Amino acid sequence: MPTAFRRSPAVRIGLSIAVATGLYGVSFGALSVASGLNLWQTVALSALLFSGGSQFAFIGVIAGGGSPIAATGAAALLGIRNAVYGMQLNMLVHPRGWRRFVAAHVTIDESLATSTGQTDPVEQRRGFWVAGLGVFALWNVFTIVGALAGEAIGDPKQWGLDGAAVAAFLALLWPRLQSRDAAAIAVVCSVVTVVAIPLVSPGIPILVAAVVAGILSWRARPGDGTPAPRTAEETS
């Protein structure tokens, strides 16, 4: 590794994030198989969808008896945030040619956080690529490990894993409920989901809750006393 890379703070942070996040792919692989998907379907989800929250939402709906269409809708709604990330990262990373397609695929929470956490433009680009590509490689490797382990376990209900996908998704969500607004939106969406469960088919309640969350988040946008987010120019 070149000396500049060894001394780069963005590279060190990106690698550490890649290892920590990649290891969590084991749980996704095992829970995906426990939810009824086979090895190749699980591998395809990690390689093609590649968005942790969306992947857990997908298998959570499937595990709850929802249809693939409802599961896809839930995953898509959660994946919208990556498109928002892309607009900011495009200004920071400036990918060209085929790199634009790769950059779009590895635009995730971790690559955004690593990139925007740096002030030097070179470090911002290094952080984005190291975190994005590192997470992609390790997440997919450990997804396979988890899926193979899940197949070896057998019937998930014997081990109490039939509800584990939902629990894993809640574990991802909990650290994000740091503000009062976020916690309030979560409570409202929880109530909406509980009310909708006996009224609609499996998988639809989470879509209803996602729409409600989107509306409430939009109403709580900057301009009502909430500090406006910093722009790329302000953070560089």
Protein backbone atom coordinates (compact mmCIF):
# COMPACT_ATOMS: atom_id res chain seq x y z
CA MET A 1 0.00 0.00 0.00
CA PRO A 2 1.44 3.45 -0.90
CA THR A 3 2.65 5.61 1.99
CA ALA A 4 -0.05 8.21 1.33
CA PHE A 5 -2.72 5.55 1.80
CA ARG A 6 -1.14 4.16 4.98
CA ARG A 7 -1.14 7.63 6.52
CA SER A 8 -4.61 8.55 5.28
CA PRO A 9 -7.18 8.98 8.10
CA ALA A 10 -10.01 8.38 5.64
CA VAL A 11 -8.51 5.05 4.57
CA ARG A 12 -8.10 3.90 8.17
CA ILE A 13 -11.65 4.90 9.05
CA GLY A 14 -13.02 3.38 5.87
CA LEU A 15 -11.29 0.05 6.47
CA SER A 16 -12.46 -0.17 10.08
CA ILE A 17 -16.03 0.60 9.05
CA ALA A 18 -15.83 -1.95 6.26
CA VAL A 19 -14.75 -4.70 8.64
CA ALA A 20 -17.35 -3.88 11.29
CA THR A 21 -20.22 -3.58 8.79
CA GLY A 22 -19.10 -6.51 6.68
CA LEU A 23 -19.14 -8.86 9.65
CA TYR A 24 -22.79 -8.02 10.19
CA GLY A 25 -23.48 -9.63 6.83
CA VAL A 26 -23.31 -12.97 8.64
CA SER A 27 -26.54 -12.17 10.43
CA PHE A 28 -28.25 -11.10 7.22
CA GLY A 29 -27.24 -14.29 5.44
CA ALA A 30 -28.49 -16.50 8.26
CA LEU A 31 -31.74 -14.57 8.73
CA SER A 32 -32.44 -14.50 5.00
CA VAL A 33 -32.25 -18.28 4.78
CA ALA A 34 -34.33 -18.53 7.96
CA SER A 35 -36.97 -16.34 6.28
CA GLY A 36 -37.35 -18.80 3.41
CA LEU A 37 -34.90 -17.56 0.78
CA ASN A 38 -32.31 -19.96 -0.62
CA LEU A 39 -28.57 -19.41 -0.85
CA TRP A 40 -28.57 -17.88 -4.33
CA GLN A 41 -31.50 -15.57 -3.63
CA THR A 42 -29.70 -14.36 -0.53
CA VAL A 43 -26.47 -13.79 -2.44
CA ALA A 44 -28.35 -11.90 -5.16
CA LEU A 45 -29.97 -9.60 -2.59
CA SER A 46 -26.63 -8.61 -1.11
CA ALA A 47 -24.89 -8.21 -4.46
CA LEU A 48 -27.64 -6.37 -6.34
CA LEU A 49 -29.70 -4.55 -3.70
CA PHE A 50 -26.76 -3.92 -1.33
CA SER A 51 -28.46 -1.76 1.26
CA GLY A 52 -28.53 -3.24 4.74
CA GLY A 53 -31.72 -1.60 5.98
CA SER A 54 -33.59 -2.36 2.76
CA GLN A 55 -32.40 -5.97 2.79
CA PHE A 56 -33.56 -6.54 6.36
CA ALA A 57 -36.89 -4.88 5.54
CA PHE A 58 -37.31 -7.22 2.56
CA ILE A 59 -36.71 -10.42 4.50
CA GLY A 60 -38.72 -9.07 7.44
CA VAL A 61 -41.81 -8.79 5.23
CA ILE A 62 -41.16 -12.23 3.71
CA ALA A 63 -40.70 -13.75 7.16
CA GLY A 64 -44.02 -12.22 8.23
CA GLY A 65 -45.85 -13.89 5.35
CA GLY A 66 -45.93 -10.88 3.04
CA SER A 67 -45.77 -11.09 -0.74
CA PRO A 68 -42.56 -10.42 -2.72
CA ILE A 69 -44.23 -7.29 -4.14
CA ALA A 70 -44.88 -5.89 -0.65
CA ALA A 71 -41.33 -6.81 0.40
CA THR A 72 -39.91 -5.05 -2.66
CA GLY A 73 -41.99 -1.97 -1.93
CA ALA A 74 -40.78 -1.78 1.65
CA ALA A 75 -37.16 -2.18 0.56
CA ALA A 76 -37.55 0.47 -2.16
CA LEU A 77 -39.02 3.03 0.23
CA LEU A 78 -36.10 2.61 2.61
CA GLY A 79 -33.64 2.79 -0.28
CA ILE A 80 -34.82 6.24 -1.38
CA ARG A 81 -32.36 7.81 1.06
CA ASN A 82 -29.46 6.52 -1.05
CA ALA A 83 -30.63 8.64 -3.98
CA VAL A 84 -30.47 11.69 -1.71
CA TYR A 85 -26.97 10.66 -0.62
CA GLY A 86 -25.98 10.35 -4.26
CA MET A 87 -26.63 14.00 -5.01
CA GLN A 88 -24.28 15.12 -2.27
CA LEU A 89 -21.60 12.51 -2.95
CA ASN A 90 -21.61 13.32 -6.66
CA MET A 91 -20.37 16.82 -5.76
CA LEU A 92 -17.70 15.43 -3.43
CA VAL A 93 -16.38 12.46 -5.38
CA HIS A 94 -16.92 13.61 -9.01
CA PRO A 95 -16.94 10.11 -10.55
CA ARG A 96 -16.44 9.90 -14.31
CA GLY A 97 -17.26 7.26 -16.92
CA TRP A 98 -17.87 3.73 -15.65
CA ARG A 99 -16.95 4.84 -12.14
CA ARG A 100 -20.30 6.63 -11.91
CA PHE A 101 -22.13 3.29 -12.03
CA VAL A 102 -19.84 1.80 -9.39
CA ALA A 103 -20.15 4.90 -7.20
CA ALA A 104 -23.95 4.75 -7.41
CA HIS A 105 -23.94 1.13 -6.26
CA VAL A 106 -21.69 1.72 -3.24
CA THR A 107 -23.44 4.91 -2.11
CA ILE A 108 -24.59 3.81 1.35
CA ASP A 109 -24.69 5.17 4.89
CA GLU A 110 -21.11 4.10 5.61
CA SER A 111 -19.49 5.56 2.48
CA LEU A 112 -21.39 8.82 2.98
CA ALA A 113 -20.36 9.11 6.63
CA THR A 114 -16.70 8.35 5.89
CA SER A 115 -16.55 10.82 3.02
CA THR A 116 -18.36 13.74 4.64
CA GLY A 117 -16.40 13.25 7.84
CA GLN A 118 -13.29 14.53 6.05
CA THR A 119 -12.47 18.14 5.13
CA ASP A 120 -9.80 17.55 2.48
CA PRO A 121 -11.27 16.78 -0.99
CA VAL A 122 -8.72 14.02 -1.61
CA GLU A 123 -9.53 12.40 1.71
CA GLN A 124 -13.25 12.67 0.98
CA ARG A 125 -12.79 10.67 -2.22
CA ARG A 126 -10.54 8.12 -0.55
CA GLY A 127 -12.98 7.65 2.31
CA PHE A 128 -15.89 7.13 -0.03
CA TRP A 129 -14.19 4.50 -2.19
CA VAL A 130 -12.47 2.61 0.63
CA ALA A 131 -15.61 2.42 2.76
CA GLY A 132 -17.96 1.74 -0.14
CA LEU A 133 -15.93 -0.94 -1.88
CA GLY A 134 -14.71 -2.42 1.41
CA VAL A 135 -18.22 -2.82 2.80
CA PHE A 136 -19.46 -4.25 -0.51
CA ALA A 137 -16.72 -6.90 -0.63
CA LEU A 138 -16.94 -7.99 3.01
CA TRP A 139 -20.74 -7.76 3.25
CA ASN A 140 -21.11 -10.14 0.34
CA VAL A 141 -18.46 -12.56 1.61
CA PHE A 142 -20.02 -12.77 5.06
CA THR A 143 -23.52 -12.97 3.61
CA ILE A 144 -22.45 -16.25 2.01
CA VAL A 145 -20.94 -17.43 5.30
CA GLY A 146 -24.16 -16.61 7.15
CA ALA A 147 -26.37 -18.22 4.51
CA LEU A 148 -24.38 -21.44 4.60
CA ALA A 149 -24.52 -21.45 8.39
CA GLY A 150 -28.26 -20.83 8.26
CA GLU A 151 -28.80 -23.76 5.91
CA ALA A 152 -26.82 -25.99 8.26
CA ILE A 153 -29.05 -25.00 11.21
CA GLY A 154 -32.18 -26.39 9.56
CA ASP A 155 -35.71 -25.37 10.58
CA PRO A 156 -35.43 -21.80 11.97
CA LYS A 157 -38.47 -22.21 14.23
CA GLN A 158 -36.59 -24.81 16.28
CA TRP A 159 -34.08 -22.11 17.20
CA GLY A 160 -36.52 -19.22 17.56
CA LEU A 161 -35.19 -17.50 14.44
CA ASP A 162 -38.54 -17.07 12.70
CA GLY A 163 -38.87 -13.57 14.21
CA ALA A 164 -35.19 -12.69 14.18
CA ALA A 165 -35.29 -10.71 10.93
CA VAL A 166 -37.70 -8.21 12.47
CA ALA A 167 -35.58 -8.00 15.63
CA ALA A 168 -32.44 -7.35 13.56
CA PHE A 169 -34.16 -4.55 11.67
CA LEU A 170 -35.25 -2.96 14.95
CA ALA A 171 -31.64 -3.16 16.15
CA LEU A 172 -30.59 -1.17 13.08
CA LEU A 173 -33.33 1.39 13.66
CA TRP A 174 -32.87 1.99 17.38
CA PRO A 175 -29.56 3.97 17.23
CA ARG A 176 -31.18 6.40 14.77
CA LEU A 177 -33.86 7.49 17.24
CA GLN A 178 -31.67 10.11 18.87
CA SER A 179 -33.86 13.17 18.34
CA ARG A 180 -37.30 13.84 19.79
CA ASP A 181 -38.82 14.16 16.31
CA ALA A 182 -37.42 10.81 15.16
CA ALA A 183 -38.71 9.06 18.29
CA ALA A 184 -42.15 10.64 17.88
CA ILE A 185 -42.36 9.55 14.24
CA ALA A 186 -41.34 6.02 15.24
CA VAL A 187 -44.09 5.87 17.86
CA VAL A 188 -46.74 7.09 15.42
CA CYS A 189 -45.62 4.60 12.77
CA SER A 190 -45.67 1.78 15.31
CA VAL A 191 -49.28 2.60 16.21
CA VAL A 192 -50.23 2.82 12.52
CA THR A 193 -48.64 -0.57 11.87
CA VAL A 194 -50.43 -2.25 14.79
CA VAL A 195 -53.78 -0.82 13.66
CA ALA A 196 -53.21 -1.86 10.04
CA ILE A 197 -52.12 -5.47 10.72
CA PRO A 198 -55.63 -6.95 11.17
CA LEU A 199 -57.07 -4.87 8.31
CA VAL A 200 -54.70 -5.57 5.41
CA SER A 201 -52.61 -8.44 4.06
CA PRO A 202 -49.08 -9.18 5.44
CA GLY A 203 -46.42 -6.77 4.20
CA ILE A 204 -48.82 -3.88 3.58
CA PRO A 205 -48.67 -2.41 7.13
CA ILE A 206 -44.97 -1.62 6.78
CA LEU A 207 -45.68 0.20 3.50
CA VAL A 208 -48.41 2.24 5.17
CA ALA A 209 -46.08 3.08 8.04
CA ALA A 210 -43.32 4.08 5.60
CA VAL A 211 -45.67 6.49 3.82
CA VAL A 212 -46.72 8.00 7.15
CA ALA A 213 -43.06 8.35 8.16
CA GLY A 214 -42.29 10.13 4.89
CA ILE A 215 -45.14 12.59 5.37
CA LEU A 216 -44.21 13.33 8.97
CA SER A 217 -40.51 13.72 8.08
CA TRP A 218 -41.41 16.16 5.30
CA ARG A 219 -43.55 18.22 7.69
CA ALA A 220 -40.63 18.35 10.13
CA ARG A 221 -38.20 19.58 7.46
CA PRO A 222 -35.88 22.59 8.07
CA GLY A 223 -37.82 25.82 8.27
CA ASP A 224 -39.90 25.00 11.34
CA GLY A 225 -37.14 25.64 13.82
CA THR A 226 -35.00 22.64 12.91
CA PRO A 227 -31.43 23.61 11.94
CA ALA A 228 -30.86 23.27 8.20
CA PRO A 229 -28.38 20.56 7.15
CA ARG A 230 -24.93 21.71 6.17
CA THR A 231 -24.17 21.74 2.50
CA ALA A 232 -21.20 20.07 0.84
CA GLU A 233 -19.52 23.45 0.41
CA GLU A 234 -19.88 24.21 4.13
CA THR A 235 -18.35 20.90 5.18
CA SER A 236 -15.37 21.14 2.82
